[in-house]
Amino acid sequence: MPELIAKTALEGQSLTVGTSTLAEADVGRITSVAVFPGGAKAVAKGLKTLGLTMPEPNSLVERKGARLVWTGREQAFLMGVDCPELEGAAVTDQTDGWTVLTLTGAGAVDVLARLVPMDLRLPAFPVGRAVRTQLNHMNVVILRLGEHAFEIMGFRSMARTAWHELEAAMQMLAARNGTKF
């Protein structure tokens, strides 16, 4: 009988061009939490075991390796840990359906400016923010984790396309700045 080996969508790829680095990230489990009407108190009780609360719109909360990212009204992705028992919510494992890319470096925001239809500069999109938006033609969730650090969550089926779009933007920006790559 053949042995099946789990692989990530991009098999851990990493690339540095100019002042930006693009890499596939392993964030562990990704669990969707969709709160039922009237279920907020029960969900809050379950999340308390992780030291987390449901995030405000367009934000994320983190504690001890667990991250809860806002993904829509009364919805969030729990990342990095197993999901506790959450009565009052629909809970589904999304781990194999999403790819997470990191984009870091001084040029990261300029790379994203070529592909994302919103202002991701630090004053408009500070550390700890999360947003559902478009990366060119793909739906993504973008998290700001540091002054020059982003995570881009996209559907696994679009991982190579997202990589290609980001790589092309990195190369164009480096060429414009006169950087060899």
N, C-alpha and C. Protein backbone atom coordinates (compact mmCIF):
# COMPACT_ATOMS: atom_id res chain seq x y z
N MET A 1 0.83 -1.17 0.00
CA MET A 1 0.00 0.00 0.00
C MET A 1 0.89 1.25 0.00
N PRO A 2 0.59 2.23 -0.86
CA PRO A 2 1.42 3.43 -0.91
C PRO A 2 1.26 4.27 0.36
N GLU A 3 2.34 4.94 0.75
CA GLU A 3 2.27 5.84 1.89
C GLU A 3 2.03 7.25 1.37
N LEU A 4 1.06 7.91 1.96
CA LEU A 4 0.76 9.28 1.58
C LEU A 4 1.55 10.23 2.46
N ILE A 5 2.14 11.23 1.83
CA ILE A 5 2.95 12.19 2.53
C ILE A 5 2.33 13.57 2.33
N ALA A 6 1.98 14.22 3.42
CA ALA A 6 1.39 15.55 3.33
C ALA A 6 2.45 16.55 2.88
N LYS A 7 2.09 17.39 1.94
CA LYS A 7 2.99 18.43 1.46
C LYS A 7 2.26 19.75 1.47
N THR A 8 3.00 20.80 1.69
CA THR A 8 2.41 22.13 1.57
C THR A 8 2.28 22.48 0.09
N ALA A 9 1.51 23.48 -0.19
CA ALA A 9 1.26 23.85 -1.59
C ALA A 9 2.53 24.25 -2.32
N LEU A 10 3.45 24.89 -1.64
CA LEU A 10 4.67 25.40 -2.29
C LEU A 10 5.93 24.73 -1.76
N GLU A 11 5.77 23.70 -0.98
CA GLU A 11 6.88 22.90 -0.46
C GLU A 11 7.96 23.75 0.21
N GLY A 12 7.52 24.78 0.96
CA GLY A 12 8.46 25.58 1.75
C GLY A 12 9.31 26.56 0.97
N GLN A 13 8.88 26.96 -0.20
CA GLN A 13 9.66 27.89 -1.03
C GLN A 13 10.01 29.17 -0.29
N SER A 14 11.10 29.80 -0.70
CA SER A 14 11.53 31.09 -0.17
C SER A 14 12.28 31.83 -1.27
N LEU A 15 12.14 33.14 -1.30
CA LEU A 15 12.75 33.95 -2.36
C LEU A 15 13.02 35.35 -1.82
N THR A 16 14.23 35.85 -2.07
CA THR A 16 14.54 37.23 -1.74
C THR A 16 14.88 37.97 -3.02
N VAL A 17 14.21 39.09 -3.22
CA VAL A 17 14.47 39.96 -4.37
C VAL A 17 14.50 41.38 -3.84
N GLY A 18 15.59 42.07 -4.11
CA GLY A 18 15.72 43.44 -3.61
C GLY A 18 15.67 43.44 -2.09
N THR A 19 14.77 44.25 -1.54
CA THR A 19 14.68 44.37 -0.08
C THR A 19 13.52 43.57 0.51
N SER A 20 12.96 42.65 -0.26
CA SER A 20 11.81 41.87 0.21
C SER A 20 12.07 40.38 0.13
N THR A 21 11.51 39.66 1.09
CA THR A 21 11.60 38.21 1.11
C THR A 21 10.20 37.63 1.16
N LEU A 22 9.95 36.69 0.26
CA LEU A 22 8.68 35.98 0.18
C LEU A 22 8.93 34.53 0.56
N ALA A 23 8.09 33.99 1.42
CA ALA A 23 8.28 32.60 1.85
C ALA A 23 6.93 31.99 2.20
N GLU A 24 6.88 30.67 2.05
CA GLU A 24 5.69 29.95 2.51
C GLU A 24 5.86 29.73 4.01
N ALA A 25 4.80 29.94 4.76
CA ALA A 25 4.85 29.79 6.21
C ALA A 25 4.01 28.59 6.65
N ASP A 26 4.47 27.96 7.71
CA ASP A 26 3.70 26.90 8.34
C ASP A 26 3.13 27.47 9.62
N VAL A 27 1.83 27.73 9.63
CA VAL A 27 1.18 28.32 10.80
C VAL A 27 0.46 27.29 11.64
N GLY A 28 0.64 26.02 11.29
CA GLY A 28 -0.06 24.97 12.03
C GLY A 28 -1.51 24.86 11.59
N ARG A 29 -2.33 24.41 12.50
CA ARG A 29 -3.75 24.23 12.18
C ARG A 29 -4.45 25.56 11.94
N ILE A 30 -5.41 25.53 11.03
CA ILE A 30 -6.27 26.68 10.78
C ILE A 30 -7.71 26.18 10.94
N THR A 31 -8.43 26.75 11.88
CA THR A 31 -9.80 26.34 12.16
C THR A 31 -10.71 27.54 12.02
N SER A 32 -11.76 27.39 11.23
CA SER A 32 -12.75 28.45 11.08
C SER A 32 -13.73 28.38 12.25
N VAL A 33 -13.99 29.53 12.86
CA VAL A 33 -14.96 29.64 13.94
C VAL A 33 -16.03 30.62 13.49
N ALA A 34 -17.24 30.14 13.28
CA ALA A 34 -18.36 30.99 12.87
C ALA A 34 -19.41 30.94 13.97
N VAL A 35 -19.57 32.06 14.66
CA VAL A 35 -20.45 32.13 15.82
C VAL A 35 -21.91 32.10 15.38
N PHE A 36 -22.68 31.19 16.00
CA PHE A 36 -24.12 31.13 15.75
C PHE A 36 -24.79 32.34 16.40
N PRO A 37 -25.95 32.77 15.89
CA PRO A 37 -26.69 33.84 16.58
C PRO A 37 -26.95 33.41 18.03
N GLY A 38 -26.61 34.29 18.96
CA GLY A 38 -26.79 34.00 20.37
C GLY A 38 -25.70 33.14 20.98
N GLY A 39 -24.68 32.79 20.22
CA GLY A 39 -23.64 31.89 20.72
C GLY A 39 -22.38 32.57 21.21
N ALA A 40 -22.36 33.90 21.24
CA ALA A 40 -21.14 34.64 21.58
C ALA A 40 -20.62 34.31 22.97
N LYS A 41 -21.49 34.19 23.97
CA LYS A 41 -21.04 33.92 25.34
C LYS A 41 -20.41 32.53 25.44
N ALA A 42 -21.01 31.55 24.79
CA ALA A 42 -20.47 30.18 24.83
C ALA A 42 -19.11 30.13 24.13
N VAL A 43 -18.98 30.84 23.02
CA VAL A 43 -17.71 30.89 22.30
C VAL A 43 -16.65 31.59 23.15
N ALA A 44 -17.03 32.69 23.77
CA ALA A 44 -16.09 33.42 24.63
C ALA A 44 -15.59 32.53 25.75
N LYS A 45 -16.46 31.72 26.32
CA LYS A 45 -16.06 30.80 27.40
C LYS A 45 -15.05 29.77 26.89
N GLY A 46 -15.28 29.22 25.70
CA GLY A 46 -14.36 28.25 25.13
C GLY A 46 -13.02 28.85 24.76
N LEU A 47 -13.03 30.07 24.22
CA LEU A 47 -11.78 30.73 23.83
C LEU A 47 -10.97 31.18 25.04
N LYS A 48 -11.65 31.40 26.16
CA LYS A 48 -10.96 31.81 27.38
C LYS A 48 -9.92 30.78 27.80
N THR A 49 -10.15 29.50 27.46
CA THR A 49 -9.17 28.46 27.81
C THR A 49 -7.84 28.68 27.10
N LEU A 50 -7.86 29.40 25.99
CA LEU A 50 -6.63 29.74 25.25
C LEU A 50 -6.13 31.14 25.58
N GLY A 51 -6.88 31.86 26.40
CA GLY A 51 -6.52 33.24 26.71
C GLY A 51 -6.87 34.20 25.59
N LEU A 52 -7.82 33.80 24.74
CA LEU A 52 -8.19 34.61 23.57
C LEU A 52 -9.63 35.10 23.68
N THR A 53 -9.92 36.15 22.94
CA THR A 53 -11.28 36.63 22.75
C THR A 53 -11.50 36.80 21.26
N MET A 54 -12.75 36.83 20.84
CA MET A 54 -13.03 37.08 19.42
C MET A 54 -12.45 38.44 19.05
N PRO A 55 -11.75 38.51 17.92
CA PRO A 55 -11.13 39.78 17.53
C PRO A 55 -12.16 40.79 17.02
N GLU A 56 -11.82 42.05 17.19
CA GLU A 56 -12.62 43.13 16.62
C GLU A 56 -12.48 43.05 15.09
N PRO A 57 -13.41 43.66 14.35
CA PRO A 57 -13.28 43.66 12.89
C PRO A 57 -11.92 44.20 12.45
N ASN A 58 -11.36 43.57 11.45
CA ASN A 58 -10.07 43.95 10.85
C ASN A 58 -8.91 43.92 11.84
N SER A 59 -8.94 42.92 12.72
CA SER A 59 -7.83 42.80 13.67
C SER A 59 -7.56 41.34 13.99
N LEU A 60 -6.56 41.12 14.82
CA LEU A 60 -6.23 39.78 15.27
C LEU A 60 -5.81 39.85 16.73
N VAL A 61 -5.91 38.71 17.42
CA VAL A 61 -5.43 38.61 18.80
C VAL A 61 -4.51 37.40 18.87
N GLU A 62 -3.45 37.52 19.70
CA GLU A 62 -2.47 36.44 19.82
C GLU A 62 -2.16 36.20 21.29
N ARG A 63 -1.86 34.94 21.59
CA ARG A 63 -1.40 34.59 22.93
C ARG A 63 -0.79 33.19 22.90
N LYS A 64 0.44 33.08 23.36
CA LYS A 64 1.13 31.80 23.53
C LYS A 64 1.02 30.88 22.31
N GLY A 65 1.34 31.39 21.14
CA GLY A 65 1.34 30.58 19.93
C GLY A 65 -0.01 30.39 19.27
N ALA A 66 -1.05 30.93 19.88
CA ALA A 66 -2.40 30.86 19.29
C ALA A 66 -2.74 32.23 18.71
N ARG A 67 -3.35 32.22 17.56
CA ARG A 67 -3.75 33.46 16.90
C ARG A 67 -5.19 33.32 16.44
N LEU A 68 -5.99 34.35 16.68
CA LEU A 68 -7.36 34.39 16.22
C LEU A 68 -7.50 35.60 15.31
N VAL A 69 -7.81 35.36 14.03
CA VAL A 69 -7.81 36.39 13.00
C VAL A 69 -9.24 36.63 12.53
N TRP A 70 -9.66 37.89 12.56
CA TRP A 70 -10.98 38.26 12.07
C TRP A 70 -11.07 37.96 10.58
N THR A 71 -12.13 37.28 10.15
CA THR A 71 -12.32 36.98 8.73
C THR A 71 -13.68 37.42 8.21
N GLY A 72 -14.50 37.99 9.07
CA GLY A 72 -15.82 38.44 8.68
C GLY A 72 -16.70 38.59 9.91
N ARG A 73 -17.91 39.05 9.69
CA ARG A 73 -18.84 39.26 10.80
C ARG A 73 -19.06 37.97 11.57
N GLU A 74 -18.71 38.00 12.85
CA GLU A 74 -18.87 36.84 13.75
C GLU A 74 -18.09 35.62 13.25
N GLN A 75 -16.99 35.86 12.54
CA GLN A 75 -16.15 34.78 12.02
C GLN A 75 -14.68 35.08 12.28
N ALA A 76 -13.92 34.03 12.50
CA ALA A 76 -12.48 34.18 12.69
C ALA A 76 -11.80 32.87 12.37
N PHE A 77 -10.50 32.94 12.09
CA PHE A 77 -9.65 31.76 11.93
C PHE A 77 -8.80 31.62 13.18
N LEU A 78 -8.87 30.45 13.80
CA LEU A 78 -7.99 30.12 14.91
C LEU A 78 -6.79 29.41 14.30
N MET A 79 -5.59 29.92 14.58
CA MET A 79 -4.39 29.41 13.93
C MET A 79 -3.36 28.99 14.97
N GLY A 80 -2.65 27.90 14.67
CA GLY A 80 -1.51 27.51 15.47
C GLY A 80 -1.77 26.55 16.60
N VAL A 81 -3.02 26.32 16.94
CA VAL A 81 -3.35 25.42 18.05
C VAL A 81 -4.60 24.61 17.69
N ASP A 82 -4.79 23.53 18.42
CA ASP A 82 -6.03 22.78 18.27
C ASP A 82 -7.17 23.60 18.86
N CYS A 83 -8.31 23.52 18.24
CA CYS A 83 -9.47 24.28 18.68
C CYS A 83 -10.12 23.61 19.89
N PRO A 84 -10.37 24.39 20.95
CA PRO A 84 -11.08 23.81 22.09
C PRO A 84 -12.55 23.58 21.74
N GLU A 85 -13.25 22.92 22.62
CA GLU A 85 -14.70 22.73 22.44
C GLU A 85 -15.37 24.10 22.44
N LEU A 86 -16.05 24.43 21.35
CA LEU A 86 -16.72 25.73 21.25
C LEU A 86 -18.20 25.52 20.96
N GLU A 87 -18.97 25.46 22.00
CA GLU A 87 -20.41 25.43 21.80
C GLU A 87 -20.82 26.84 21.39
N GLY A 88 -21.79 26.92 20.53
CA GLY A 88 -22.23 28.23 20.06
C GLY A 88 -21.59 28.66 18.76
N ALA A 89 -20.84 27.75 18.12
CA ALA A 89 -20.18 28.12 16.86
C ALA A 89 -20.06 26.91 15.94
N ALA A 90 -20.06 27.17 14.67
CA ALA A 90 -19.71 26.15 13.68
C ALA A 90 -18.19 26.18 13.57
N VAL A 91 -17.56 25.04 13.77
CA VAL A 91 -16.11 24.94 13.77
C VAL A 91 -15.70 23.96 12.68
N THR A 92 -14.85 24.42 11.75
CA THR A 92 -14.41 23.55 10.66
C THR A 92 -12.90 23.69 10.45
N ASP A 93 -12.26 22.56 10.20
CA ASP A 93 -10.82 22.54 9.92
C ASP A 93 -10.58 23.06 8.51
N GLN A 94 -9.77 24.08 8.39
CA GLN A 94 -9.46 24.71 7.11
C GLN A 94 -8.00 24.54 6.70
N THR A 95 -7.25 23.78 7.49
CA THR A 95 -5.79 23.71 7.33
C THR A 95 -5.37 23.38 5.90
N ASP A 96 -5.97 22.39 5.30
CA ASP A 96 -5.54 21.97 3.96
C ASP A 96 -6.08 22.85 2.84
N GLY A 97 -6.95 23.79 3.16
CA GLY A 97 -7.56 24.63 2.14
C GLY A 97 -6.87 25.98 1.94
N TRP A 98 -5.94 26.31 2.83
CA TRP A 98 -5.30 27.62 2.79
C TRP A 98 -3.79 27.50 2.73
N THR A 99 -3.17 28.48 2.10
CA THR A 99 -1.71 28.63 2.08
C THR A 99 -1.40 29.98 2.71
N VAL A 100 -0.35 30.01 3.50
CA VAL A 100 0.06 31.25 4.13
C VAL A 100 1.45 31.62 3.63
N LEU A 101 1.57 32.84 3.12
CA LEU A 101 2.85 33.36 2.65
C LEU A 101 3.27 34.50 3.56
N THR A 102 4.57 34.62 3.79
CA THR A 102 5.08 35.79 4.50
C THR A 102 5.78 36.69 3.50
N LEU A 103 5.60 37.96 3.67
CA LEU A 103 6.30 38.96 2.86
C LEU A 103 6.92 39.94 3.85
N THR A 104 8.24 39.96 3.87
CA THR A 104 8.95 40.79 4.84
C THR A 104 10.00 41.64 4.14
N GLY A 105 10.46 42.65 4.85
CA GLY A 105 11.52 43.51 4.32
C GLY A 105 11.02 44.92 4.07
N ALA A 106 11.98 45.81 3.90
CA ALA A 106 11.66 47.23 3.75
C ALA A 106 10.77 47.51 2.54
N GLY A 107 10.82 46.67 1.51
CA GLY A 107 10.02 46.89 0.31
C GLY A 107 8.68 46.17 0.31
N ALA A 108 8.34 45.49 1.38
CA ALA A 108 7.12 44.67 1.39
C ALA A 108 5.86 45.47 1.09
N VAL A 109 5.71 46.60 1.74
CA VAL A 109 4.49 47.39 1.52
C VAL A 109 4.42 47.91 0.09
N ASP A 110 5.57 48.22 -0.51
CA ASP A 110 5.60 48.69 -1.90
C ASP A 110 5.23 47.56 -2.87
N VAL A 111 5.65 46.34 -2.55
CA VAL A 111 5.27 45.18 -3.36
C VAL A 111 3.76 45.02 -3.32
N LEU A 112 3.19 45.04 -2.13
CA LEU A 112 1.75 44.87 -1.98
C LEU A 112 0.96 46.01 -2.63
N ALA A 113 1.53 47.22 -2.63
CA ALA A 113 0.85 48.37 -3.23
C ALA A 113 0.57 48.16 -4.71
N ARG A 114 1.37 47.32 -5.36
CA ARG A 114 1.17 47.04 -6.78
C ARG A 114 0.02 46.06 -7.03
N LEU A 115 -0.42 45.35 -5.97
CA LEU A 115 -1.37 44.26 -6.16
C LEU A 115 -2.64 44.36 -5.33
N VAL A 116 -2.63 45.16 -4.29
CA VAL A 116 -3.74 45.21 -3.34
C VAL A 116 -4.43 46.57 -3.42
N PRO A 117 -5.76 46.61 -3.58
CA PRO A 117 -6.47 47.87 -3.77
C PRO A 117 -6.79 48.62 -2.48
N MET A 118 -5.83 48.69 -1.57
CA MET A 118 -6.03 49.46 -0.34
C MET A 118 -4.69 49.93 0.19
N ASP A 119 -4.74 50.90 1.06
CA ASP A 119 -3.52 51.48 1.63
C ASP A 119 -3.03 50.60 2.77
N LEU A 120 -1.88 49.95 2.57
CA LEU A 120 -1.30 49.08 3.59
C LEU A 120 -0.08 49.72 4.26
N ARG A 121 0.12 51.02 4.04
CA ARG A 121 1.21 51.70 4.73
C ARG A 121 0.92 51.72 6.22
N LEU A 122 1.95 51.78 7.02
CA LEU A 122 1.85 51.65 8.47
C LEU A 122 0.81 52.55 9.13
N PRO A 123 0.72 53.83 8.79
CA PRO A 123 -0.29 54.68 9.46
C PRO A 123 -1.74 54.22 9.18
N ALA A 124 -1.99 53.70 7.99
CA ALA A 124 -3.34 53.28 7.62
C ALA A 124 -3.64 51.83 8.00
N PHE A 125 -2.60 51.03 8.14
CA PHE A 125 -2.75 49.59 8.41
C PHE A 125 -1.69 49.19 9.43
N PRO A 126 -1.93 49.51 10.71
CA PRO A 126 -0.89 49.28 11.74
C PRO A 126 -0.72 47.80 12.09
N VAL A 127 0.32 47.51 12.83
CA VAL A 127 0.59 46.16 13.31
C VAL A 127 -0.61 45.66 14.09
N GLY A 128 -0.97 44.40 13.84
CA GLY A 128 -2.12 43.80 14.52
C GLY A 128 -3.42 43.89 13.74
N ARG A 129 -3.36 44.41 12.54
CA ARG A 129 -4.57 44.52 11.70
C ARG A 129 -4.65 43.33 10.77
N ALA A 130 -5.88 43.02 10.38
CA ALA A 130 -6.16 41.95 9.42
C ALA A 130 -7.29 42.42 8.53
N VAL A 131 -7.22 42.05 7.26
CA VAL A 131 -8.26 42.49 6.34
C VAL A 131 -8.49 41.43 5.26
N ARG A 132 -9.74 41.28 4.87
CA ARG A 132 -10.06 40.47 3.69
C ARG A 132 -10.07 41.42 2.52
N THR A 133 -9.32 41.07 1.48
CA THR A 133 -9.20 41.96 0.33
C THR A 133 -8.83 41.14 -0.90
N GLN A 134 -8.37 41.82 -1.91
CA GLN A 134 -7.93 41.18 -3.15
C GLN A 134 -6.41 41.33 -3.30
N LEU A 135 -5.79 40.29 -3.81
CA LEU A 135 -4.39 40.35 -4.25
C LEU A 135 -4.50 40.12 -5.75
N ASN A 136 -4.45 41.23 -6.50
CA ASN A 136 -4.77 41.19 -7.92
C ASN A 136 -6.18 40.65 -8.07
N HIS A 137 -6.39 39.45 -8.55
CA HIS A 137 -7.76 38.92 -8.75
C HIS A 137 -8.13 37.85 -7.74
N MET A 138 -7.31 37.63 -6.72
CA MET A 138 -7.52 36.54 -5.76
C MET A 138 -7.99 37.08 -4.41
N ASN A 139 -8.93 36.36 -3.79
CA ASN A 139 -9.35 36.71 -2.44
C ASN A 139 -8.29 36.27 -1.45
N VAL A 140 -7.91 37.16 -0.53
CA VAL A 140 -6.90 36.86 0.47
C VAL A 140 -7.28 37.51 1.79
N VAL A 141 -6.60 37.06 2.84
CA VAL A 141 -6.63 37.73 4.14
C VAL A 141 -5.19 38.18 4.38
N ILE A 142 -5.01 39.47 4.64
CA ILE A 142 -3.67 40.01 4.88
C ILE A 142 -3.57 40.45 6.33
N LEU A 143 -2.50 40.02 6.99
CA LEU A 143 -2.23 40.37 8.38
C LEU A 143 -0.96 41.21 8.43
N ARG A 144 -0.97 42.22 9.25
CA ARG A 144 0.27 42.98 9.47
C ARG A 144 0.84 42.55 10.81
N LEU A 145 2.02 41.92 10.77
CA LEU A 145 2.63 41.38 11.97
C LEU A 145 3.80 42.20 12.48
N GLY A 146 4.29 43.12 11.68
CA GLY A 146 5.40 43.97 12.07
C GLY A 146 5.49 45.15 11.13
N GLU A 147 6.39 46.06 11.42
CA GLU A 147 6.52 47.25 10.57
C GLU A 147 6.75 46.87 9.11
N HIS A 148 7.56 45.83 8.88
CA HIS A 148 7.86 45.37 7.52
C HIS A 148 7.52 43.89 7.36
N ALA A 149 6.45 43.44 8.00
CA ALA A 149 6.12 42.00 7.98
C ALA A 149 4.62 41.78 7.80
N PHE A 150 4.30 41.00 6.76
CA PHE A 150 2.92 40.66 6.45
C PHE A 150 2.77 39.15 6.31
N GLU A 151 1.59 38.65 6.60
CA GLU A 151 1.20 37.30 6.21
C GLU A 151 0.04 37.45 5.25
N ILE A 152 0.08 36.65 4.20
CA ILE A 152 -0.95 36.67 3.18
C ILE A 152 -1.54 35.27 3.13
N MET A 153 -2.81 35.16 3.48
CA MET A 153 -3.50 33.88 3.47
C MET A 153 -4.36 33.81 2.22
N GLY A 154 -4.15 32.76 1.43
CA GLY A 154 -4.94 32.58 0.22
C GLY A 154 -5.35 31.13 0.07
N PHE A 155 -6.29 30.90 -0.81
CA PHE A 155 -6.74 29.53 -1.05
C PHE A 155 -5.57 28.71 -1.60
N ARG A 156 -5.44 27.51 -1.12
CA ARG A 156 -4.36 26.62 -1.55
C ARG A 156 -4.36 26.46 -3.07
N SER A 157 -5.52 26.40 -3.68
CA SER A 157 -5.60 26.21 -5.13
C SER A 157 -5.01 27.39 -5.91
N MET A 158 -4.85 28.53 -5.25
CA MET A 158 -4.31 29.71 -5.90
C MET A 158 -2.89 30.04 -5.43
N ALA A 159 -2.26 29.12 -4.70
CA ALA A 159 -0.94 29.39 -4.10
C ALA A 159 0.11 29.75 -5.14
N ARG A 160 0.21 28.98 -6.20
CA ARG A 160 1.23 29.26 -7.21
C ARG A 160 0.96 30.56 -7.95
N THR A 161 -0.30 30.87 -8.16
CA THR A 161 -0.64 32.14 -8.81
C THR A 161 -0.29 33.31 -7.91
N ALA A 162 -0.62 33.21 -6.62
CA ALA A 162 -0.27 34.27 -5.68
C ALA A 162 1.24 34.46 -5.63
N TRP A 163 1.96 33.34 -5.57
CA TRP A 163 3.43 33.41 -5.55
C TRP A 163 3.95 34.13 -6.80
N HIS A 164 3.43 33.74 -7.95
CA HIS A 164 3.86 34.34 -9.22
C HIS A 164 3.60 35.85 -9.22
N GLU A 165 2.41 36.26 -8.79
CA GLU A 165 2.07 37.69 -8.79
C GLU A 165 3.00 38.47 -7.86
N LEU A 166 3.23 37.93 -6.67
CA LEU A 166 4.11 38.60 -5.71
C LEU A 166 5.56 38.64 -6.21
N GLU A 167 6.03 37.54 -6.77
CA GLU A 167 7.39 37.50 -7.31
C GLU A 167 7.56 38.53 -8.43
N ALA A 168 6.60 38.61 -9.32
CA ALA A 168 6.69 39.58 -10.42
C ALA A 168 6.71 41.01 -9.89
N ALA A 169 5.89 41.30 -8.89
CA ALA A 169 5.89 42.65 -8.31
C ALA A 169 7.22 42.94 -7.61
N MET A 170 7.78 41.93 -6.94
CA MET A 170 9.09 42.10 -6.29
C MET A 170 10.16 42.41 -7.33
N GLN A 171 10.15 41.70 -8.45
CA GLN A 171 11.14 41.91 -9.49
C GLN A 171 10.98 43.29 -10.15
N MET A 172 9.74 43.71 -10.39
CA MET A 172 9.52 45.03 -10.98
C MET A 172 10.00 46.14 -10.05
N LEU A 173 9.72 45.99 -8.77
CA LEU A 173 10.16 46.98 -7.81
C LEU A 173 11.69 47.02 -7.69
N ALA A 174 12.31 45.86 -7.68
CA ALA A 174 13.78 45.80 -7.61
C ALA A 174 14.39 46.42 -8.87
N ALA A 175 13.81 46.12 -10.02
CA ALA A 175 14.33 46.69 -11.28
C ALA A 175 14.19 48.20 -11.27
N ARG A 176 13.06 48.69 -10.79
CA ARG A 176 12.84 50.13 -10.73
C ARG A 176 13.85 50.81 -9.81
N ASN A 177 14.24 50.10 -8.75
CA ASN A 177 15.22 50.62 -7.79
C ASN A 177 16.65 50.34 -8.19
N GLY A 178 16.86 49.69 -9.34
CA GLY A 178 18.19 49.41 -9.83
C GLY A 178 18.90 48.27 -9.12
N THR A 179 18.13 47.38 -8.47
CA THR A 179 18.70 46.26 -7.75
C THR A 179 18.80 45.06 -8.68
N LYS A 180 19.95 44.39 -8.65
CA LYS A 180 20.09 43.16 -9.43
C LYS A 180 19.48 42.01 -8.65
N PHE A 181 18.87 41.09 -9.40
CA PHE A 181 18.28 39.91 -8.74
C PHE A 181 18.55 38.68 -9.54
